[in-house]
Amino acid sequence: MELLDPMRVHRRCKGTGVFQAASGPVSCSPCSGTGKILSARDQRRLDAETTRRYRLLKVMYARAEERDGCRAGDIDFQTHQGYGLLEQNERHRLDALFGSLAAGRIDDVIDALVAYGNAHTEREKK
């Protein structure tokens, strides 16, 4: 089975990454100079997935703030820090994280992110 490339040739620059403006050749900003862009259908799917993930993160951060209570924001901060480190260092694990959030395991994810952030901080101290 042949896999199709989801990227399409950008019409504005005709796949060159540069288009001719009145002032001269200009790098094409919608395609970032690559000459290729997502199809409208794929872009809608990507936008829907991004929105879904953003909402799951908002729920997770709201739960972390709720768990903090009057504890000076430790869990909330550590959750943010753990997510940032995970996104930076192990991006391939984000799908599993969002799957767990969608399944309703919010407290487990928060605890795992706090532990991940703490373990990463301990490794940097050594």
PDB file of N, CA and C in Angstrom:
ATOM      1  N   MET A   1       0.841  -1.177   0.000  1.00  0.00           N
ATOM      2  CA  MET A   1       0.000   0.000   0.000  1.00  0.00           C
ATOM      3  C   MET A   1       0.888   1.244   0.000  1.00  0.00           C
ATOM      4  N   GLU A   2       0.639   2.134  -0.894  1.00  0.00           N
ATOM      5  CA  GLU A   2       1.446   3.338  -1.011  1.00  0.00           C
ATOM      6  C   GLU A   2       0.910   4.415  -0.071  1.00  0.00           C
ATOM      7  N   LEU A   3       1.799   5.025   0.689  1.00  0.00           N
ATOM      8  CA  LEU A   3       1.404   6.116   1.567  1.00  0.00           C
ATOM      9  C   LEU A   3       1.420   7.413   0.774  1.00  0.00           C
ATOM     10  N   LEU A   4       0.368   8.181   0.919  1.00  0.00           N
ATOM     11  CA  LEU A   4       0.274   9.442   0.211  1.00  0.00           C
ATOM     12  C   LEU A   4       0.909  10.548   1.030  1.00  0.00           C
ATOM     13  N   ASP A   5       1.540  11.464   0.366  1.00  0.00           N
ATOM     14  CA  ASP A   5       2.133  12.620   1.024  1.00  0.00           C
ATOM     15  C   ASP A   5       1.017  13.615   1.341  1.00  0.00           C
ATOM     16  N   PRO A   6       0.797  13.975   2.612  1.00  0.00           N
ATOM     17  CA  PRO A   6      -0.293  14.898   2.944  1.00  0.00           C
ATOM     18  C   PRO A   6      -0.009  16.334   2.497  1.00  0.00           C
ATOM     19  N   MET A   7       1.205  16.588   2.081  1.00  0.00           N
ATOM     20  CA  MET A   7       1.555  17.932   1.650  1.00  0.00           C
ATOM     21  C   MET A   7       1.228  18.106   0.170  1.00  0.00           C
ATOM     22  N   ARG A   8       0.718  19.286  -0.156  1.00  0.00           N
ATOM     23  CA  ARG A   8       0.362  19.617  -1.528  1.00  0.00           C
ATOM     24  C   ARG A   8       1.204  20.796  -1.985  1.00  0.00           C
ATOM     25  N   VAL A   9       1.377  20.928  -3.288  1.00  0.00           N
ATOM     26  CA  VAL A   9       2.116  22.062  -3.839  1.00  0.00           C
ATOM     27  C   VAL A   9       1.317  23.334  -3.559  1.00  0.00           C
ATOM     28  N   HIS A  10       1.989  24.337  -3.033  1.00  0.00           N
ATOM     29  CA  HIS A  10       1.339  25.598  -2.712  1.00  0.00           C
ATOM     30  C   HIS A  10       1.083  26.374  -3.999  1.00  0.00           C
ATOM     31  N   ARG A  11      -0.139  26.808  -4.193  1.00  0.00           N
ATOM     32  CA  ARG A  11      -0.529  27.467  -5.449  1.00  0.00           C
ATOM     33  C   ARG A  11       0.076  28.857  -5.599  1.00  0.00           C
ATOM     34  N   ARG A  12       0.217  29.568  -4.512  1.00  0.00           N
ATOM     35  CA  ARG A  12       0.688  30.951  -4.604  1.00  0.00           C
ATOM     36  C   ARG A  12       2.104  31.029  -5.173  1.00  0.00           C
ATOM     37  N   CYS A  13       2.970  30.149  -4.680  1.00  0.00           N
ATOM     38  CA  CYS A  13       4.363  30.183  -5.135  1.00  0.00           C
ATOM     39  C   CYS A  13       4.663  29.090  -6.160  1.00  0.00           C
ATOM     40  N   LYS A  14       3.650  28.275  -6.486  1.00  0.00           N
ATOM     41  CA  LYS A  14       3.781  27.188  -7.466  1.00  0.00           C
ATOM     42  C   LYS A  14       4.881  26.192  -7.085  1.00  0.00           C
ATOM     43  N   GLY A  15       5.051  25.984  -5.770  1.00  0.00           N
ATOM     44  CA  GLY A  15       6.006  24.997  -5.292  1.00  0.00           C
ATOM     45  C   GLY A  15       7.442  25.464  -5.206  1.00  0.00           C
ATOM     46  N   THR A  16       7.711  26.708  -5.501  1.00  0.00           N
ATOM     47  CA  THR A  16       9.093  27.194  -5.476  1.00  0.00           C
ATOM     48  C   THR A  16       9.499  27.732  -4.109  1.00  0.00           C
ATOM     49  N   GLY A  17       8.511  28.159  -3.300  1.00  0.00           N
ATOM     50  CA  GLY A  17       8.823  28.760  -2.012  1.00  0.00           C
ATOM     51  C   GLY A  17       9.070  30.245  -2.098  1.00  0.00           C
ATOM     52  N   VAL A  18       9.056  30.777  -3.314  1.00  0.00           N
ATOM     53  CA  VAL A  18       9.279  32.206  -3.544  1.00  0.00           C
ATOM     54  C   VAL A  18       8.224  32.681  -4.540  1.00  0.00           C
ATOM     55  N   PHE A  19       7.639  33.852  -4.295  1.00  0.00           N
ATOM     56  CA  PHE A  19       6.716  34.400  -5.281  1.00  0.00           C
ATOM     57  C   PHE A  19       7.148  35.814  -5.647  1.00  0.00           C
ATOM     58  N   GLN A  20       6.706  36.232  -6.783  1.00  0.00           N
ATOM     59  CA  GLN A  20       7.108  37.531  -7.314  1.00  0.00           C
ATOM     60  C   GLN A  20       6.133  38.605  -6.826  1.00  0.00           C
ATOM     61  N   ALA A  21       6.613  39.501  -5.972  1.00  0.00           N
ATOM     62  CA  ALA A  21       5.826  40.637  -5.508  1.00  0.00           C
ATOM     63  C   ALA A  21       6.215  41.858  -6.330  1.00  0.00           C
ATOM     64  N   ALA A  22       5.497  42.944  -6.132  1.00  0.00           N
ATOM     65  CA  ALA A  22       5.796  44.176  -6.864  1.00  0.00           C
ATOM     66  C   ALA A  22       7.202  44.675  -6.552  1.00  0.00           C
ATOM     67  N   SER A  23       7.657  44.425  -5.328  1.00  0.00           N
ATOM     68  CA  SER A  23       8.984  44.895  -4.927  1.00  0.00           C
ATOM     69  C   SER A  23      10.098  43.909  -5.278  1.00  0.00           C
ATOM     70  N   GLY A  24       9.729  42.742  -5.799  1.00  0.00           N
ATOM     71  CA  GLY A  24      10.733  41.745  -6.152  1.00  0.00           C
ATOM     72  C   GLY A  24      10.392  40.393  -5.554  1.00  0.00           C
ATOM     73  N   PRO A  25      11.272  39.399  -5.698  1.00  0.00           N
ATOM     74  CA  PRO A  25      10.990  38.070  -5.155  1.00  0.00           C
ATOM     75  C   PRO A  25      10.941  38.095  -3.626  1.00  0.00           C
ATOM     76  N   VAL A  26       9.921  37.406  -3.093  1.00  0.00           N
ATOM     77  CA  VAL A  26       9.700  37.365  -1.648  1.00  0.00           C
ATOM     78  C   VAL A  26       9.484  35.913  -1.233  1.00  0.00           C
ATOM     79  N   SER A  27      10.035  35.533  -0.085  1.00  0.00           N
ATOM     80  CA  SER A  27       9.814  34.192   0.444  1.00  0.00           C
ATOM     81  C   SER A  27       8.335  34.035   0.799  1.00  0.00           C
ATOM     82  N   CYS A  28       7.779  32.913   0.432  1.00  0.00           N
ATOM     83  CA  CYS A  28       6.357  32.649   0.647  1.00  0.00           C
ATOM     84  C   CYS A  28       6.128  32.314   2.117  1.00  0.00           C
ATOM     85  N   SER A  29       5.333  33.117   2.816  1.00  0.00           N
ATOM     86  CA  SER A  29       5.141  32.886   4.246  1.00  0.00           C
ATOM     87  C   SER A  29       4.123  31.786   4.565  1.00  0.00           C
ATOM     88  N   PRO A  30       3.037  31.589   3.807  1.00  0.00           N
ATOM     89  CA  PRO A  30       2.127  30.490   4.165  1.00  0.00           C
ATOM     90  C   PRO A  30       2.789  29.114   4.141  1.00  0.00           C
ATOM     91  N   CYS A  31       3.731  28.907   3.235  1.00  0.00           N
ATOM     92  CA  CYS A  31       4.396  27.599   3.167  1.00  0.00           C
ATOM     93  C   CYS A  31       5.800  27.651   3.779  1.00  0.00           C
ATOM     94  N   SER A  32       6.161  28.770   4.361  1.00  0.00           N
ATOM     95  CA  SER A  32       7.470  28.963   4.999  1.00  0.00           C
ATOM     96  C   SER A  32       8.633  28.704   4.041  1.00  0.00           C
ATOM     97  N   GLY A  33       8.413  28.977   2.773  1.00  0.00           N
ATOM     98  CA  GLY A  33       9.478  28.824   1.790  1.00  0.00           C
ATOM     99  C   GLY A  33       9.722  27.403   1.338  1.00  0.00           C
ATOM    100  N   THR A  34       8.886  26.454   1.761  1.00  0.00           N
ATOM    101  CA  THR A  34       9.085  25.060   1.376  1.00  0.00           C
ATOM    102  C   THR A  34       8.425  24.720   0.046  1.00  0.00           C
ATOM    103  N   GLY A  35       7.412  25.498  -0.348  1.00  0.00           N
ATOM    104  CA  GLY A  35       6.696  25.216  -1.578  1.00  0.00           C
ATOM    105  C   GLY A  35       5.574  24.215  -1.407  1.00  0.00           C
ATOM    106  N   LYS A  36       5.419  23.678  -0.198  1.00  0.00           N
ATOM    107  CA  LYS A  36       4.363  22.702   0.070  1.00  0.00           C
ATOM    108  C   LYS A  36       3.536  23.156   1.261  1.00  0.00           C
ATOM    109  N   ILE A  37       2.255  22.793   1.231  1.00  0.00           N
ATOM    110  CA  ILE A  37       1.329  23.185   2.284  1.00  0.00           C
ATOM    111  C   ILE A  37       0.319  22.049   2.480  1.00  0.00           C
ATOM    112  N   LEU A  38      -0.262  21.951   3.680  1.00  0.00           N
ATOM    113  CA  LEU A  38      -1.272  20.928   3.938  1.00  0.00           C
ATOM    114  C   LEU A  38      -2.530  21.220   3.135  1.00  0.00           C
ATOM    115  N   SER A  39      -3.226  20.158   2.736  1.00  0.00           N
ATOM    116  CA  SER A  39      -4.514  20.355   2.069  1.00  0.00           C
ATOM    117  C   SER A  39      -5.496  20.936   3.084  1.00  0.00           C
ATOM    118  N   ALA A  40      -6.575  21.526   2.607  1.00  0.00           N
ATOM    119  CA  ALA A  40      -7.562  22.146   3.500  1.00  0.00           C
ATOM    120  C   ALA A  40      -8.156  21.108   4.451  1.00  0.00           C
ATOM    121  N   ARG A  41      -8.426  19.911   3.959  1.00  0.00           N
ATOM    122  CA  ARG A  41      -8.995  18.856   4.802  1.00  0.00           C
ATOM    123  C   ARG A  41      -8.015  18.454   5.902  1.00  0.00           C
ATOM    124  N   ASP A  42      -6.751  18.257   5.538  1.00  0.00           N
ATOM    125  CA  ASP A  42      -5.747  17.886   6.528  1.00  0.00           C
ATOM    126  C   ASP A  42      -5.515  19.013   7.530  1.00  0.00           C
ATOM    127  N   GLN A  43      -5.571  20.251   7.074  1.00  0.00           N
ATOM    128  CA  GLN A  43      -5.401  21.386   7.976  1.00  0.00           C
ATOM    129  C   GLN A  43      -6.556  21.447   8.976  1.00  0.00           C
ATOM    130  N   ARG A  44      -7.789  21.169   8.531  1.00  0.00           N
ATOM    131  CA  ARG A  44      -8.940  21.147   9.449  1.00  0.00           C
ATOM    132  C   ARG A  44      -8.761  20.044  10.491  1.00  0.00           C
ATOM    133  N   ARG A  45      -8.294  18.872  10.048  1.00  0.00           N
ATOM    134  CA  ARG A  45      -8.063  17.772  10.999  1.00  0.00           C
ATOM    135  C   ARG A  45      -6.985  18.144  12.018  1.00  0.00           C
ATOM    136  N   LEU A  46      -5.925  18.753  11.551  1.00  0.00           N
ATOM    137  CA  LEU A  46      -4.846  19.174  12.436  1.00  0.00           C
ATOM    138  C   LEU A  46      -5.344  20.221  13.429  1.00  0.00           C
ATOM    139  N   ASP A  47      -6.140  21.179  12.954  1.00  0.00           N
ATOM    140  CA  ASP A  47      -6.693  22.207  13.833  1.00  0.00           C
ATOM    141  C   ASP A  47      -7.622  21.599  14.882  1.00  0.00           C
ATOM    142  N   ALA A  48      -8.438  20.621  14.481  1.00  0.00           N
ATOM    143  CA  ALA A  48      -9.342  19.968  15.424  1.00  0.00           C
ATOM    144  C   ALA A  48      -8.551  19.207  16.491  1.00  0.00           C
ATOM    145  N   GLU A  49      -7.488  18.517  16.086  1.00  0.00           N
ATOM    146  CA  GLU A  49      -6.655  17.785  17.039  1.00  0.00           C
ATOM    147  C   GLU A  49      -5.936  18.749  17.984  1.00  0.00           C
ATOM    148  N   THR A  50      -5.458  19.862  17.454  1.00  0.00           N
ATOM    149  CA  THR A  50      -4.790  20.860  18.283  1.00  0.00           C
ATOM    150  C   THR A  50      -5.762  21.432  19.311  1.00  0.00           C
ATOM    151  N   THR A  51      -6.984  21.721  18.889  1.00  0.00           N
ATOM    152  CA  THR A  51      -8.004  22.238  19.808  1.00  0.00           C
ATOM    153  C   THR A  51      -8.322  21.221  20.888  1.00  0.00           C
ATOM    154  N   ARG A  52      -8.452  19.951  20.494  1.00  0.00           N
ATOM    155  CA  ARG A  52      -8.756  18.899  21.470  1.00  0.00           C
ATOM    156  C   ARG A  52      -7.641  18.786  22.504  1.00  0.00           C
ATOM    157  N   ARG A  53      -6.383  18.820  22.050  1.00  0.00           N
ATOM    158  CA  ARG A  53      -5.254  18.719  22.975  1.00  0.00           C
ATOM    159  C   ARG A  53      -5.175  19.946  23.895  1.00  0.00           C
ATOM    160  N   TYR A  54      -5.457  21.110  23.340  1.00  0.00           N
ATOM    161  CA  TYR A  54      -5.444  22.332  24.152  1.00  0.00           C
ATOM    162  C   TYR A  54      -6.491  22.240  25.259  1.00  0.00           C
ATOM    163  N   ARG A  55      -7.674  21.740  24.931  1.00  0.00           N
ATOM    164  CA  ARG A  55      -8.727  21.613  25.949  1.00  0.00           C
ATOM    165  C   ARG A  55      -8.345  20.598  27.020  1.00  0.00           C
ATOM    166  N   LEU A  56      -7.718  19.492  26.616  1.00  0.00           N
ATOM    167  CA  LEU A  56      -7.271  18.505  27.596  1.00  0.00           C
ATOM    168  C   LEU A  56      -6.214  19.097  28.526  1.00  0.00           C
ATOM    169  N   LEU A  57      -5.304  19.907  27.983  1.00  0.00           N
ATOM    170  CA  LEU A  57      -4.293  20.552  28.821  1.00  0.00           C
ATOM    171  C   LEU A  57      -4.929  21.533  29.790  1.00  0.00           C
ATOM    172  N   LYS A  58      -5.941  22.275  29.329  1.00  0.00           N
ATOM    173  CA  LYS A  58      -6.624  23.212  30.218  1.00  0.00           C
ATOM    174  C   LYS A  58      -7.283  22.489  31.380  1.00  0.00           C
ATOM    175  N   VAL A  59      -7.908  21.347  31.101  1.00  0.00           N
ATOM    176  CA  VAL A  59      -8.534  20.551  32.150  1.00  0.00           C
ATOM    177  C   VAL A  59      -7.477  20.052  33.129  1.00  0.00           C
ATOM    178  N   MET A  60      -6.340  19.585  32.601  1.00  0.00           N
ATOM    179  CA  MET A  60      -5.273  19.076  33.456  1.00  0.00           C
ATOM    180  C   MET A  60      -4.724  20.188  34.355  1.00  0.00           C
ATOM    181  N   TYR A  61      -4.466  21.361  33.766  1.00  0.00           N
ATOM    182  CA  TYR A  61      -3.929  22.465  34.566  1.00  0.00           C
ATOM    183  C   TYR A  61      -4.944  22.960  35.590  1.00  0.00           C
ATOM    184  N   ALA A  62      -6.222  22.959  35.245  1.00  0.00           N
ATOM    185  CA  ALA A  62      -7.260  23.353  36.209  1.00  0.00           C
ATOM    186  C   ALA A  62      -7.299  22.371  37.370  1.00  0.00           C
ATOM    187  N   ARG A  63      -7.177  21.088  37.078  1.00  0.00           N
ATOM    188  CA  ARG A  63      -7.153  20.067  38.141  1.00  0.00           C
ATOM    189  C   ARG A  63      -5.906  20.213  39.009  1.00  0.00           C
ATOM    190  N   ALA A  64      -4.774  20.545  38.402  1.00  0.00           N
ATOM    191  CA  ALA A  64      -3.547  20.742  39.183  1.00  0.00           C
ATOM    192  C   ALA A  64      -3.704  21.933  40.119  1.00  0.00           C
ATOM    193  N   GLU A  65      -4.317  23.022  39.648  1.00  0.00           N
ATOM    194  CA  GLU A  65      -4.561  24.178  40.512  1.00  0.00           C
ATOM    195  C   GLU A  65      -5.512  23.814  41.636  1.00  0.00           C
ATOM    196  N   GLU A  66      -6.522  23.009  41.320  1.00  0.00           N
ATOM    197  CA  GLU A  66      -7.487  22.576  42.328  1.00  0.00           C
ATOM    198  C   GLU A  66      -6.805  21.722  43.396  1.00  0.00           C
ATOM    199  N   ARG A  67      -5.903  20.853  42.973  1.00  0.00           N
ATOM    200  CA  ARG A  67      -5.180  20.007  43.925  1.00  0.00           C
ATOM    201  C   ARG A  67      -4.236  20.821  44.800  1.00  0.00           C
ATOM    202  N   ASP A  68      -3.728  21.927  44.269  1.00  0.00           N
ATOM    203  CA  ASP A  68      -2.828  22.773  45.042  1.00  0.00           C
ATOM    204  C   ASP A  68      -3.511  23.355  46.265  1.00  0.00           C
ATOM    205  N   GLY A  69      -4.754  23.766  46.106  1.00  0.00           N
ATOM    206  CA  GLY A  69      -5.453  24.403  47.213  1.00  0.00           C
ATOM    207  C   GLY A  69      -4.707  25.649  47.636  1.00  0.00           C
ATOM    208  N   CYS A  70      -4.240  25.678  48.872  1.00  0.00           N
ATOM    209  CA  CYS A  70      -3.511  26.853  49.365  1.00  0.00           C
ATOM    210  C   CYS A  70      -2.036  26.535  49.562  1.00  0.00           C
ATOM    211  N   ARG A  71      -1.457  25.685  48.703  1.00  0.00           N
ATOM    212  CA  ARG A  71      -0.075  25.228  48.864  1.00  0.00           C
ATOM    213  C   ARG A  71       0.931  25.987  48.020  1.00  0.00           C
ATOM    214  N   ALA A  72       0.673  27.187  47.689  1.00  0.00           N
ATOM    215  CA  ALA A  72       1.640  28.056  46.989  1.00  0.00           C
ATOM    216  C   ALA A  72       1.965  27.590  45.569  1.00  0.00           C
ATOM    217  N   GLY A  73       1.100  26.840  44.943  1.00  0.00           N
ATOM    218  CA  GLY A  73       1.274  26.518  43.530  1.00  0.00           C
ATOM    219  C   GLY A  73       2.336  25.498  43.190  1.00  0.00           C
ATOM    220  N   ASP A  74       2.723  24.639  44.124  1.00  0.00           N
ATOM    221  CA  ASP A  74       3.775  23.657  43.838  1.00  0.00           C
ATOM    222  C   ASP A  74       3.380  22.671  42.748  1.00  0.00           C
ATOM    223  N   ILE A  75       2.216  22.037  42.899  1.00  0.00           N
ATOM    224  CA  ILE A  75       1.801  21.013  41.940  1.00  0.00           C
ATOM    225  C   ILE A  75       1.564  21.637  40.575  1.00  0.00           C
ATOM    226  N   ASP A  76       0.917  22.797  40.555  1.00  0.00           N
ATOM    227  CA  ASP A  76       0.643  23.476  39.288  1.00  0.00           C
ATOM    228  C   ASP A  76       1.945  23.807  38.567  1.00  0.00           C
ATOM    229  N   PHE A  77       2.904  24.371  39.279  1.00  0.00           N
ATOM    230  CA  PHE A  77       4.188  24.722  38.676  1.00  0.00           C
ATOM    231  C   PHE A  77       4.920  23.484  38.181  1.00  0.00           C
ATOM    232  N   GLN A  78       4.962  22.451  39.017  1.00  0.00           N
ATOM    233  CA  GLN A  78       5.684  21.237  38.652  1.00  0.00           C
ATOM    234  C   GLN A  78       5.028  20.512  37.485  1.00  0.00           C
ATOM    235  N   THR A  79       3.697  20.615  37.371  1.00  0.00           N
ATOM    236  CA  THR A  79       3.001  20.028  36.236  1.00  0.00           C
ATOM    237  C   THR A  79       3.387  20.748  34.954  1.00  0.00           C
ATOM    238  N   HIS A  80       3.382  22.072  34.996  1.00  0.00           N
ATOM    239  CA  HIS A  80       3.802  22.858  33.834  1.00  0.00           C
ATOM    240  C   HIS A  80       5.242  22.528  33.460  1.00  0.00           C
ATOM    241  N   GLN A  81       6.107  22.471  34.454  1.00  0.00           N
ATOM    242  CA  GLN A  81       7.518  22.190  34.210  1.00  0.00           C
ATOM    243  C   GLN A  81       7.703  20.788  33.621  1.00  0.00           C
ATOM    244  N   GLY A  82       7.018  19.797  34.192  1.00  0.00           N
ATOM    245  CA  GLY A  82       7.123  18.427  33.691  1.00  0.00           C
ATOM    246  C   GLY A  82       6.627  18.301  32.267  1.00  0.00           C
ATOM    247  N   TYR A  83       5.516  18.982  31.947  1.00  0.00           N
ATOM    248  CA  TYR A  83       5.005  18.932  30.576  1.00  0.00           C
ATOM    249  C   TYR A  83       5.994  19.594  29.615  1.00  0.00           C
ATOM    250  N   GLY A  84       6.539  20.719  30.016  1.00  0.00           N
ATOM    251  CA  GLY A  84       7.508  21.405  29.155  1.00  0.00           C
ATOM    252  C   GLY A  84       8.736  20.555  28.890  1.00  0.00           C
ATOM    253  N   LEU A  85       9.237  19.886  29.921  1.00  0.00           N
ATOM    254  CA  LEU A  85      10.398  19.016  29.747  1.00  0.00           C
ATOM    255  C   LEU A  85      10.074  17.814  28.861  1.00  0.00           C
ATOM    256  N   LEU A  86       8.886  17.238  29.074  1.00  0.00           N
ATOM    257  CA  LEU A  86       8.475  16.101  28.255  1.00  0.00           C
ATOM    258  C   LEU A  86       8.338  16.515  26.788  1.00  0.00           C
ATOM    259  N   GLU A  87       7.739  17.669  26.563  1.00  0.00           N
ATOM    260  CA  GLU A  87       7.568  18.164  25.194  1.00  0.00           C
ATOM    261  C   GLU A  87       8.916  18.441  24.539  1.00  0.00           C
ATOM    262  N   GLN A  88       9.850  18.934  25.319  1.00  0.00           N
ATOM    263  CA  GLN A  88      11.171  19.277  24.782  1.00  0.00           C
ATOM    264  C   GLN A  88      12.031  18.039  24.538  1.00  0.00           C
ATOM    265  N   ASN A  89      12.027  17.101  25.486  1.00  0.00           N
ATOM    266  CA  ASN A  89      12.959  15.974  25.433  1.00  0.00           C
ATOM    267  C   ASN A  89      12.400  14.697  24.820  1.00  0.00           C
ATOM    268  N   GLU A  90      11.119  14.427  25.020  1.00  0.00           N
ATOM    269  CA  GLU A  90      10.549  13.151  24.574  1.00  0.00           C
ATOM    270  C   GLU A  90       9.194  13.380  23.918  1.00  0.00           C
ATOM    271  N   ARG A  91       9.208  14.091  22.831  1.00  0.00           N
ATOM    272  CA  ARG A  91       7.984  14.463  22.119  1.00  0.00           C
ATOM    273  C   ARG A  91       7.152  13.252  21.694  1.00  0.00           C
ATOM    274  N   HIS A  92       7.808  12.128  21.450  1.00  0.00           N
ATOM    275  CA  HIS A  92       7.100  10.929  21.003  1.00  0.00           C
ATOM    276  C   HIS A  92       6.156  10.372  22.067  1.00  0.00           C
ATOM    277  N   ARG A  93       6.319  10.775  23.322  1.00  0.00           N
ATOM    278  CA  ARG A  93       5.467  10.287  24.412  1.00  0.00           C
ATOM    279  C   ARG A  93       4.211  11.124  24.609  1.00  0.00           C
ATOM    280  N   LEU A  94       4.070  12.216  23.873  1.00  0.00           N
ATOM    281  CA  LEU A  94       2.918  13.101  24.061  1.00  0.00           C
ATOM    282  C   LEU A  94       1.605  12.438  23.657  1.00  0.00           C
ATOM    283  N   ASP A  95       1.617  11.588  22.636  1.00  0.00           N
ATOM    284  CA  ASP A  95       0.385  10.916  22.231  1.00  0.00           C
ATOM    285  C   ASP A  95      -0.167  10.058  23.365  1.00  0.00           C
ATOM    286  N   ALA A  96       0.702   9.354  24.071  1.00  0.00           N
ATOM    287  CA  ALA A  96       0.265   8.536  25.205  1.00  0.00           C
ATOM    288  C   ALA A  96      -0.265   9.418  26.330  1.00  0.00           C
ATOM    289  N   LEU A  97       0.369  10.560  26.550  1.00  0.00           N
ATOM    290  CA  LEU A  97      -0.088  11.488  27.585  1.00  0.00           C
ATOM    291  C   LEU A  97      -1.498  11.970  27.279  1.00  0.00           C
ATOM    292  N   PHE A  98      -1.744  12.387  26.035  1.00  0.00           N
ATOM    293  CA  PHE A  98      -3.069  12.880  25.680  1.00  0.00           C
ATOM    294  C   PHE A  98      -4.098  11.754  25.665  1.00  0.00           C
ATOM    295  N   GLY A  99      -3.680  10.548  25.350  1.00  0.00           N
ATOM    296  CA  GLY A  99      -4.579   9.402  25.427  1.00  0.00           C
ATOM    297  C   GLY A  99      -5.023   9.147  26.861  1.00  0.00           C
ATOM    298  N   SER A 100      -4.093   9.265  27.796  1.00  0.00           N
ATOM    299  CA  SER A 100      -4.428   9.089  29.205  1.00  0.00           C
ATOM    300  C   SER A 100      -5.343  10.208  29.701  1.00  0.00           C
ATOM    301  N   LEU A 101      -5.077  11.428  29.261  1.00  0.00           N
ATOM    302  CA  LEU A 101      -5.952  12.538  29.653  1.00  0.00           C
ATOM    303  C   LEU A 101      -7.363  12.340  29.114  1.00  0.00           C
ATOM    304  N   ALA A 102      -7.474  11.903  27.862  1.00  0.00           N
ATOM    305  CA  ALA A 102      -8.791  11.676  27.261  1.00  0.00           C
ATOM    306  C   ALA A 102      -9.536  10.547  27.966  1.00  0.00           C
ATOM    307  N   ALA A 103      -8.790   9.583  28.515  1.00  0.00           N
ATOM    308  CA  ALA A 103      -9.405   8.466  29.232  1.00  0.00           C
ATOM    309  C   ALA A 103      -9.815   8.852  30.650  1.00  0.00           C
ATOM    310  N   GLY A 104      -9.478  10.069  31.076  1.00  0.00           N
ATOM    311  CA  GLY A 104      -9.893  10.534  32.393  1.00  0.00           C
ATOM    312  C   GLY A 104      -8.891  10.285  33.507  1.00  0.00           C
ATOM    313  N   ARG A 105      -7.681   9.920  33.185  1.00  0.00           N
ATOM    314  CA  ARG A 105      -6.659   9.643  34.200  1.00  0.00           C
ATOM    315  C   ARG A 105      -5.844  10.904  34.495  1.00  0.00           C
ATOM    316  N   ILE A 106      -6.524  11.988  34.796  1.00  0.00           N
ATOM    317  CA  ILE A 106      -5.893  13.295  34.950  1.00  0.00           C
ATOM    318  C   ILE A 106      -4.947  13.318  36.147  1.00  0.00           C
ATOM    319  N   ASP A 107      -5.394  12.802  37.281  1.00  0.00           N
ATOM    320  CA  ASP A 107      -4.526  12.809  38.471  1.00  0.00           C
ATOM    321  C   ASP A 107      -3.274  11.971  38.260  1.00  0.00           C
ATOM    322  N   ASP A 108      -3.408  10.839  37.583  1.00  0.00           N
ATOM    323  CA  ASP A 108      -2.243   9.999  37.295  1.00  0.00           C
ATOM    324  C   ASP A 108      -1.244  10.725  36.399  1.00  0.00           C
ATOM    325  N   VAL A 109      -1.764  11.449  35.403  1.00  0.00           N
ATOM    326  CA  VAL A 109      -0.892  12.196  34.499  1.00  0.00           C
ATOM    327  C   VAL A 109      -0.176  13.314  35.254  1.00  0.00           C
ATOM    328  N   ILE A 110      -0.906  14.008  36.110  1.00  0.00           N
ATOM    329  CA  ILE A 110      -0.292  15.085  36.894  1.00  0.00           C
ATOM    330  C   ILE A 110       0.830  14.526  37.759  1.00  0.00           C
ATOM    331  N   ASP A 111       0.558  13.412  38.445  1.00  0.00           N
ATOM    332  CA  ASP A 111       1.593  12.795  39.289  1.00  0.00           C
ATOM    333  C   ASP A 111       2.800  12.365  38.465  1.00  0.00           C
ATOM    334  N   ALA A 112       2.553  11.807  37.282  1.00  0.00           N
ATOM    335  CA  ALA A 112       3.659  11.369  36.424  1.00  0.00           C
ATOM    336  C   ALA A 112       4.479  12.557  35.924  1.00  0.00           C
ATOM    337  N   LEU A 113       3.817  13.657  35.580  1.00  0.00           N
ATOM    338  CA  LEU A 113       4.549  14.841  35.112  1.00  0.00           C
ATOM    339  C   LEU A 113       5.377  15.460  36.231  1.00  0.00           C
ATOM    340  N   VAL A 114       4.831  15.484  37.448  1.00  0.00           N
ATOM    341  CA  VAL A 114       5.587  16.002  38.591  1.00  0.00           C
ATOM    342  C   VAL A 114       6.815  15.131  38.836  1.00  0.00           C
ATOM    343  N   ALA A 115       6.629  13.804  38.793  1.00  0.00           N
ATOM    344  CA  ALA A 115       7.752  12.888  38.997  1.00  0.00           C
ATOM    345  C   ALA A 115       8.780  13.038  37.871  1.00  0.00           C
ATOM    346  N   TYR A 116       8.320  13.200  36.631  1.00  0.00           N
ATOM    347  CA  TYR A 116       9.228  13.372  35.497  1.00  0.00           C
ATOM    348  C   TYR A 116      10.048  14.647  35.663  1.00  0.00           C
ATOM    349  N   GLY A 117       9.384  15.726  36.040  1.00  0.00           N
ATOM    350  CA  GLY A 117      10.094  16.992  36.249  1.00  0.00           C
ATOM    351  C   GLY A 117      11.105  16.890  37.376  1.00  0.00           C
ATOM    352  N   ASN A 118      10.730  16.228  38.464  1.00  0.00           N
ATOM    353  CA  ASN A 118      11.649  16.066  39.596  1.00  0.00           C
ATOM    354  C   ASN A 118      12.842  15.192  39.225  1.00  0.00           C
ATOM    355  N   ALA A 119      12.604  14.114  38.491  1.00  0.00           N
ATOM    356  CA  ALA A 119      13.700  13.237  38.080  1.00  0.00           C
ATOM    357  C   ALA A 119      14.655  13.963  37.142  1.00  0.00           C
ATOM    358  N   HIS A 120      14.105  14.763  36.241  1.00  0.00           N
ATOM    359  CA  HIS A 120      14.939  15.511  35.307  1.00  0.00           C
ATOM    360  C   HIS A 120      15.771  16.552  36.062  1.00  0.00           C
ATOM    361  N   THR A 121      15.175  17.193  37.046  1.00  0.00           N
ATOM    362  CA  THR A 121      15.885  18.195  37.846  1.00  0.00           C
ATOM    363  C   THR A 121      16.999  17.542  38.655  1.00  0.00           C
ATOM    364  N   GLU A 122      16.735  16.352  39.194  1.00  0.00           N
ATOM    365  CA  GLU A 122      17.751  15.639  39.960  1.00  0.00           C
ATOM    366  C   GLU A 122      18.941  15.257  39.067  1.00  0.00           C
ATOM    367  N   ARG A 123      18.632  14.830  37.811  1.00  0.00           N
ATOM    368  CA  ARG A 123      19.714  14.469  36.894  1.00  0.00           C
ATOM    369  C   ARG A 123      20.583  15.671  36.550  1.00  0.00           C
ATOM    370  N   GLU A 124      19.974  16.844  36.439  1.00  0.00           N
ATOM    371  CA  GLU A 124      20.744  18.043  36.103  1.00  0.00           C
ATOM    372  C   GLU A 124      21.624  18.488  37.269  1.00  0.00           C
ATOM    373  N   LYS A 125      21.190  18.227  38.500  1.00  0.00           N
ATOM    374  CA  LYS A 125      21.966  18.622  39.674  1.00  0.00           C
ATOM    375  C   LYS A 125      23.238  17.815  39.802  1.00  0.00           C
ATOM    376  N   LYS A 126      23.236  16.579  39.312  1.00  0.00           N
ATOM    377  CA  LYS A 126      24.408  15.711  39.480  1.00  0.00           C
ATOM    378  C   LYS A 126      25.506  16.039  38.529  1.00  0.00           C
TER     379      LYS A 126
END
